[in-house]
Protein backbone atom coordinates (compact mmCIF):
# COMPACT_ATOMS: atom_id res chain seq x y z
CA MET A 1 -86.03 69.04 -30.40
CA LEU A 2 -86.22 67.06 -33.62
CA ALA A 3 -89.59 65.57 -32.74
CA ALA A 4 -91.15 69.02 -32.38
CA GLU A 5 -89.58 70.18 -35.65
CA ARG A 6 -91.05 67.17 -37.42
CA ASN A 7 -94.37 67.40 -35.57
CA ALA A 8 -93.78 63.85 -34.42
CA VAL A 9 -94.89 62.05 -31.28
CA ILE A 10 -92.53 59.55 -29.65
CA LEU A 11 -94.24 56.41 -28.35
CA ALA A 12 -92.19 53.95 -26.29
CA HIS A 13 -92.96 50.55 -24.79
CA ASN A 14 -92.30 49.87 -21.11
CA TYR A 15 -89.44 47.48 -22.02
CA GLN A 16 -87.38 50.08 -23.88
CA LEU A 17 -84.01 51.32 -22.66
CA PRO A 18 -84.36 53.81 -19.80
CA GLU A 19 -82.92 56.71 -21.84
CA VAL A 20 -85.45 56.04 -24.59
CA GLN A 21 -88.27 55.92 -22.06
CA ASP A 22 -87.13 59.27 -20.68
CA VAL A 23 -87.63 61.14 -23.99
CA ALA A 24 -90.94 59.49 -24.92
CA ASP A 25 -94.10 61.56 -25.14
CA TYR A 26 -96.05 58.48 -24.12
CA LEU A 27 -94.84 55.36 -22.33
CA GLY A 28 -97.05 52.33 -22.03
CA ASP A 29 -98.08 48.80 -22.95
CA SER A 30 -99.33 47.56 -26.29
CA LEU A 31 -102.95 48.59 -25.67
CA GLY A 32 -102.05 52.06 -24.44
CA LEU A 33 -99.67 52.59 -27.31
CA SER A 34 -102.33 51.55 -29.80
CA ARG A 35 -104.75 54.05 -28.32
CA GLU A 36 -102.19 56.84 -28.45
CA ALA A 37 -101.37 56.02 -32.09
CA ALA A 38 -105.04 56.20 -33.01
CA ALA A 39 -105.63 59.45 -31.12
CA THR A 40 -102.55 61.56 -31.98
CA ASP A 41 -102.84 64.60 -34.15
CA ALA A 42 -99.09 64.60 -34.92
CA ASP A 43 -97.92 64.23 -38.50
CA ALA A 44 -95.52 61.42 -37.65
CA ILE A 45 -95.12 58.67 -35.06
CA ALA A 46 -91.68 57.55 -33.92
CA PHE A 47 -92.42 54.12 -32.48
CA CYS A 48 -89.87 52.84 -29.98
CA GLY A 49 -90.96 49.24 -29.66
CA VAL A 50 -90.99 46.29 -32.04
CA HIS A 51 -92.16 45.92 -35.60
CA PHE A 52 -95.69 44.57 -35.04
CA MET A 53 -96.39 47.56 -32.78
CA ALA A 54 -95.39 49.97 -35.49
CA GLU A 55 -97.55 48.06 -37.98
CA THR A 56 -100.49 48.42 -35.62
CA ALA A 57 -99.90 52.17 -35.42
CA ALA A 58 -99.72 52.39 -39.21
CA ILE A 59 -103.04 50.51 -39.52
CA LEU A 60 -104.78 52.73 -37.02
CA SER A 61 -103.31 55.97 -38.43
CA PRO A 62 -102.84 55.41 -42.18
CA GLU A 63 -102.47 59.14 -42.81
CA LYS A 64 -99.46 59.35 -40.48
CA LYS A 65 -95.86 58.54 -41.23
CA VAL A 66 -94.86 55.78 -38.82
CA LEU A 67 -91.16 55.30 -38.14
CA ILE A 68 -89.33 52.61 -36.22
CA PRO A 69 -85.70 53.58 -35.50
CA ASP A 70 -84.45 50.08 -36.13
CA LEU A 71 -86.20 47.95 -38.76
CA ASP A 72 -84.64 44.81 -37.29
CA ALA A 73 -86.53 45.23 -34.01
CA GLY A 74 -88.76 42.21 -34.52
CA CYS A 75 -90.55 39.84 -32.14
CA SER A 76 -89.92 36.09 -31.81
CA LEU A 77 -93.45 35.61 -30.51
CA ALA A 78 -94.99 37.35 -33.53
CA ASP A 79 -92.86 35.14 -35.73
CA SER A 80 -94.30 31.96 -34.15
CA ILE A 81 -97.41 32.01 -36.36
CA ASP A 82 -98.06 33.12 -39.93
CA ALA A 83 -101.20 33.82 -41.94
CA ASP A 84 -101.02 30.52 -43.83
CA GLN A 85 -101.06 28.53 -40.54
CA LEU A 86 -104.06 30.47 -39.32
CA ARG A 87 -105.93 29.97 -42.58
CA VAL A 88 -105.38 26.20 -42.34
CA TRP A 89 -106.69 26.23 -38.76
CA LYS A 90 -109.77 28.23 -39.75
CA ALA A 91 -110.53 25.79 -42.58
CA GLU A 92 -110.34 22.91 -40.04
CA HIS A 93 -112.69 24.73 -37.65
CA PRO A 94 -115.32 26.55 -39.75
CA GLY A 95 -117.37 29.04 -37.85
CA ALA A 96 -114.87 29.45 -35.01
CA LEU A 97 -113.91 32.87 -33.73
CA VAL A 98 -110.25 33.78 -33.60
CA VAL A 99 -108.97 35.90 -30.67
CA MET A 100 -105.45 36.90 -31.54
CA TYR A 101 -102.84 38.25 -29.20
CA VAL A 102 -101.64 41.59 -30.48
CA ASN A 103 -98.08 40.25 -30.79
CA THR A 104 -98.67 39.14 -34.35
CA SER A 105 -98.06 40.40 -37.84
CA ALA A 106 -100.54 42.49 -39.80
CA GLU A 107 -101.14 39.55 -42.16
CA VAL A 108 -102.19 37.37 -39.21
CA LYS A 109 -104.40 40.11 -37.81
CA ALA A 110 -106.15 40.32 -41.15
CA GLU A 111 -107.33 36.72 -40.62
CA THR A 112 -108.54 37.48 -37.08
CA ASP A 113 -111.89 38.37 -35.49
CA TYR A 114 -110.62 40.08 -32.35
CA CYS A 115 -107.21 41.20 -31.13
CA CYS A 116 -106.37 41.42 -27.44
CA THR A 117 -103.53 42.32 -25.13
CA SER A 118 -102.67 40.96 -21.69
CA SER A 119 -104.49 43.90 -20.16
CA ASN A 120 -107.83 43.34 -21.87
CA ALA A 121 -107.93 39.64 -22.85
CA VAL A 122 -110.59 38.86 -20.21
CA LYS A 123 -112.74 41.79 -21.37
CA VAL A 124 -112.49 40.69 -24.98
CA VAL A 125 -113.54 37.11 -24.19
CA GLU A 126 -116.37 38.34 -21.91
CA HIS A 127 -117.55 40.64 -24.74
CA ILE A 128 -117.71 37.59 -27.05
CA TRP A 129 -119.62 35.59 -24.46
CA MET A 130 -122.18 38.33 -24.04
CA SER A 131 -122.64 39.20 -27.70
CA THR A 132 -122.45 35.83 -29.45
CA VAL A 133 -125.29 33.30 -29.57
CA PRO A 134 -124.95 30.37 -29.48
CA THR A 135 -121.86 30.00 -27.28
CA PRO A 136 -118.92 30.31 -29.66
CA ARG A 137 -115.96 28.14 -30.19
CA SER A 138 -112.75 30.12 -29.97
CA SER A 139 -108.97 29.94 -29.94
CA SER A 140 -106.27 32.32 -28.87
CA ALA A 141 -102.78 32.65 -30.27
CA PRO A 142 -99.82 32.76 -30.15
CA THR A 143 -99.12 32.40 -26.40
CA CYS A 144 -100.69 29.63 -24.38
CA GLY A 145 -99.47 31.27 -21.13
CA LEU A 146 -101.94 34.08 -21.76
CA CYS A 147 -104.71 31.58 -22.50
CA LEU A 148 -104.14 29.64 -19.27
CA CYS A 149 -103.85 32.65 -16.96
CA ARG A 150 -106.82 34.53 -18.34
CA ALA A 151 -108.90 31.37 -18.25
CA ARG A 152 -108.07 31.05 -14.58
CA ASP A 153 -109.21 34.68 -14.01
CA ARG A 154 -112.74 33.73 -15.04
CA SER A 155 -112.95 30.08 -14.05
CA HIS A 156 -116.23 30.76 -12.21
CA ARG A 157 -117.79 31.61 -15.60
CA ARG A 158 -117.19 28.17 -17.11
CA SER A 159 -120.85 27.60 -17.86
CA ARG A 160 -120.69 30.44 -20.36
CA ALA A 161 -117.16 29.92 -21.59
CA PRO A 162 -116.50 29.32 -25.29
CA ARG A 163 -115.84 25.72 -26.23
CA PRO A 164 -112.06 25.52 -26.38
CA LEU A 165 -110.19 24.64 -29.53
CA PRO A 166 -106.51 23.81 -30.02
CA HIS A 167 -104.16 26.66 -29.19
CA LEU A 168 -102.03 28.08 -31.97
CA GLY A 169 -98.47 29.33 -31.69
CA ARG A 170 -96.22 28.87 -28.74
CA ARG A 171 -95.29 30.14 -25.28
CA VAL A 172 -92.68 32.80 -24.63
CA PRO A 173 -89.38 31.01 -23.81
CA ARG A 174 -89.60 29.83 -20.21
CA PRO A 175 -87.09 31.35 -17.78
CA ARG A 176 -85.06 29.35 -15.36
CA ARG A 177 -87.05 27.86 -12.52
CA HIS A 178 -86.47 29.41 -9.10
CA PRO A 179 -86.80 27.35 -5.94
CA PRO A 180 -89.85 28.57 -4.02
CA GLY A 181 -87.91 28.64 -0.77
CA ARG A 182 -86.16 31.83 -1.78
CA HIS A 183 -89.54 33.61 -1.78
CA ARG A 184 -90.66 32.64 1.68
CA PRO A 185 -90.65 35.18 4.60
CA ASP A 186 -87.40 35.35 6.50
CA PRO A 187 -87.08 34.42 10.19
CA GLY A 188 -87.20 38.10 11.10
CA GLY A 189 -90.85 38.20 10.19
CA ASN A 190 -90.58 40.48 7.18
CA PRO A 191 -93.59 40.00 4.89
CA ARG A 192 -93.07 37.98 1.77
CA PRO A 193 -93.06 39.96 -1.45
CA SER A 194 -95.96 39.84 -3.87
CA PHE A 195 -95.53 38.30 -7.32
CA LEU A 196 -96.34 40.52 -10.27
CA ILE A 197 -96.47 38.21 -13.28
CA HIS A 198 -97.03 39.01 -16.93
CA PRO A 199 -99.35 36.32 -18.34
CA GLU A 200 -97.23 35.49 -21.39
CA CYS A 201 -94.20 34.59 -19.28
CA GLY A 202 -93.31 31.02 -18.39
CA CYS A 203 -93.17 32.28 -14.79
CA ALA A 204 -96.97 32.27 -14.82
CA THR A 205 -97.09 28.50 -15.01
CA GLN A 206 -94.39 28.18 -12.37
CA ALA A 207 -96.31 30.45 -10.01
CA MET A 208 -99.48 28.36 -10.40
CA GLU A 209 -97.45 25.22 -9.67
CA TYR A 210 -96.07 26.83 -6.49
CA VAL A 211 -99.58 27.86 -5.43
CA ALA A 212 -100.83 24.31 -5.93
CA ALA A 213 -97.94 22.98 -3.85
CA GLY A 214 -98.58 25.48 -1.03
CA ASP A 215 -95.25 27.26 -1.52
CA ILE A 216 -96.83 30.56 -2.50
CA ASP A 217 -99.86 32.25 -0.99
CA PRO A 218 -102.35 32.75 -3.84
CA GLU A 219 -103.33 36.11 -2.41
CA GLY A 220 -99.81 37.34 -3.20
CA VAL A 221 -99.90 36.34 -6.89
CA HIS A 222 -101.08 38.98 -9.35
CA MET A 223 -101.31 38.26 -13.11
CA LEU A 224 -101.02 41.68 -14.67
CA SER A 225 -100.20 43.49 -17.87
CA THR A 226 -97.29 45.90 -17.65
CA SER A 227 -99.75 48.79 -17.19
CA GLY A 228 -101.46 46.74 -14.47
CA MET A 229 -98.10 46.23 -12.74
CA LEU A 230 -97.47 49.96 -12.83
CA GLN A 231 -100.87 50.72 -11.33
CA HIS A 232 -100.44 48.08 -8.62
CA VAL A 233 -97.05 49.42 -7.56
CA GLU A 234 -98.32 53.03 -7.60
CA GLU A 235 -101.10 51.95 -5.26
CA ASN A 236 -98.63 50.15 -2.99
CA PRO A 237 -95.49 52.37 -3.18
CA ASP A 238 -93.79 50.89 -0.13
CA GLY A 239 -94.32 47.26 -1.02
CA SER A 240 -91.95 44.47 -2.00
CA PHE A 241 -92.48 42.82 -5.37
CA ILE A 242 -91.01 40.02 -7.40
CA VAL A 243 -91.48 41.11 -11.00
CA ALA A 244 -91.84 38.38 -13.59
CA THR A 245 -91.58 40.01 -17.01
CA GLU A 246 -88.89 41.55 -19.22
CA ASN A 247 -86.55 43.40 -16.88
CA GLY A 248 -86.92 46.73 -18.67
CA MET A 249 -90.17 47.05 -16.74
CA LEU A 250 -88.30 47.62 -13.50
CA TYR A 251 -87.27 51.11 -14.63
CA PRO A 252 -90.77 52.63 -14.94
CA LEU A 253 -91.82 50.78 -11.75
CA GLN A 254 -88.92 52.31 -9.83
CA GLN A 255 -89.68 55.74 -11.27
CA ALA A 256 -93.28 55.45 -10.15
CA ALA A 257 -92.45 54.17 -6.64
CA PRO A 258 -88.88 54.92 -5.57
CA GLN A 259 -89.39 53.30 -2.14
CA ALA A 260 -90.64 49.99 -3.52
CA ASN A 261 -88.44 46.93 -3.27
CA LEU A 262 -88.35 45.42 -6.79
CA ILE A 263 -86.80 42.00 -7.39
CA GLU A 264 -86.34 40.40 -10.80
CA ALA A 265 -87.85 36.95 -11.00
CA ASN A 266 -85.28 36.17 -13.62
CA ARG A 267 -82.23 38.35 -14.18
CA MET A 268 -81.89 36.88 -17.64
CA ALA A 269 -85.36 38.03 -18.76
CA PHE A 270 -83.98 40.27 -21.46
CA CYS A 271 -85.55 40.92 -24.88
CA LYS A 272 -82.81 41.80 -27.35
CA TYR A 273 -85.34 43.23 -29.77
CA MET A 274 -86.70 45.68 -27.23
CA LYS A 275 -83.15 46.93 -26.60
CA MET A 276 -82.24 47.54 -30.22
CA ILE A 277 -83.56 51.08 -30.37
CA THR A 278 -81.13 53.66 -28.98
CA LEU A 279 -81.13 57.43 -28.71
CA PRO A 280 -78.78 57.82 -31.70
CA LYS A 281 -81.04 55.60 -33.82
CA LEU A 282 -84.10 57.56 -32.74
CA ARG A 283 -82.32 60.84 -33.55
CA ASP A 284 -81.30 59.63 -37.01
CA SER A 285 -84.76 58.28 -37.77
CA LEU A 286 -86.39 61.60 -36.91
CA ARG A 287 -83.70 63.70 -38.58
CA ASP A 288 -83.92 61.85 -41.90
CA MET A 289 -87.56 60.67 -41.49
CA LYS A 290 -86.35 57.22 -42.41
CA PHE A 291 -87.31 53.62 -41.59
CA GLU A 292 -90.99 54.03 -42.32
CA VAL A 293 -93.35 51.15 -41.57
CA SER A 294 -96.34 50.71 -43.86
CA VAL A 295 -98.94 47.99 -44.40
CA PRO A 296 -100.41 47.22 -47.83
CA ALA A 297 -103.92 48.66 -48.05
CA PRO A 298 -105.82 45.36 -48.60
CA ILE A 299 -104.18 43.85 -45.48
CA ALA A 300 -104.54 47.01 -43.44
CA GLU A 301 -108.26 47.25 -44.25
CA ARG A 302 -108.92 43.74 -42.96
CA ALA A 303 -106.60 43.99 -39.97
CA LYS A 304 -108.10 47.28 -38.79
CA LEU A 305 -111.41 45.79 -37.55
CA PRO A 306 -109.97 43.34 -34.95
CA ILE A 307 -107.57 46.04 -33.75
CA GLU A 308 -110.35 48.62 -33.43
CA ARG A 309 -112.43 46.06 -31.52
CA MET A 310 -109.51 45.58 -29.10
CA VAL A 311 -109.15 49.34 -28.58
CA ALA A 312 -112.92 49.90 -28.19
CA ILE A 313 -113.39 47.09 -25.65
CA GLY A 314 -110.54 48.56 -23.59
């Protein structure tokens, strides 16, 4: 195989095409992929994801050659904030800590104190609470859906919570609203499916609205990263789940639990950027060792600390 000949490891995100997932050496979410990029002893990393993920790998493993099979595989969420905007915000709020969602460019990470993913955002904020005196002011960007859902996860800790500051960036485009009636148990008595919801999705806000209205049992709503979804389904392999995230996630879930009943919350939840990498593109990138992603050293040096904090906190 080309990867072995090039001493390359193939890392793929959970949203990638099924055939790309099948050839990956490691499949996971942003946090897991960052850890693998930092730990690998391969000479090269073929990153099947989007551009900011490959940048993160290049920052963590500067001695490796990091390839992305399609340089146009970007991220609309990462594009929603730039370093100049963040610098203006920091000037307006001197002394504030910046917790930045990992879906951002290297230039933005270089202006950040901590990075986080949906799987460890709570841990990152708790770490700040425990290690910063006095209680810090903080902001998270670029997705307010993640802010809202993770704040709810620790609402009982409000007395120690950082003083909130205006949110930067934007929410992931909100999918079409589904009437809650379609998710109620049927007359035959079959149990209602659980909701597995990625915090950055607009579905998260909808779910909380349904809970408040009494249309959804809060015990059946789980705000999870994609790795958290995978673990939950593996622990409940015969369950029924409404999955609210990019629909590429249904493939690894079905592979992990073939008996599970998996239902897309939104059949149109499709990220065109995550589907840009194909097997022929991966082959060509490894064959020619082309489409390298690199980060200028001054930016990489500053961006490395918040990323390493994210990885270390876990």
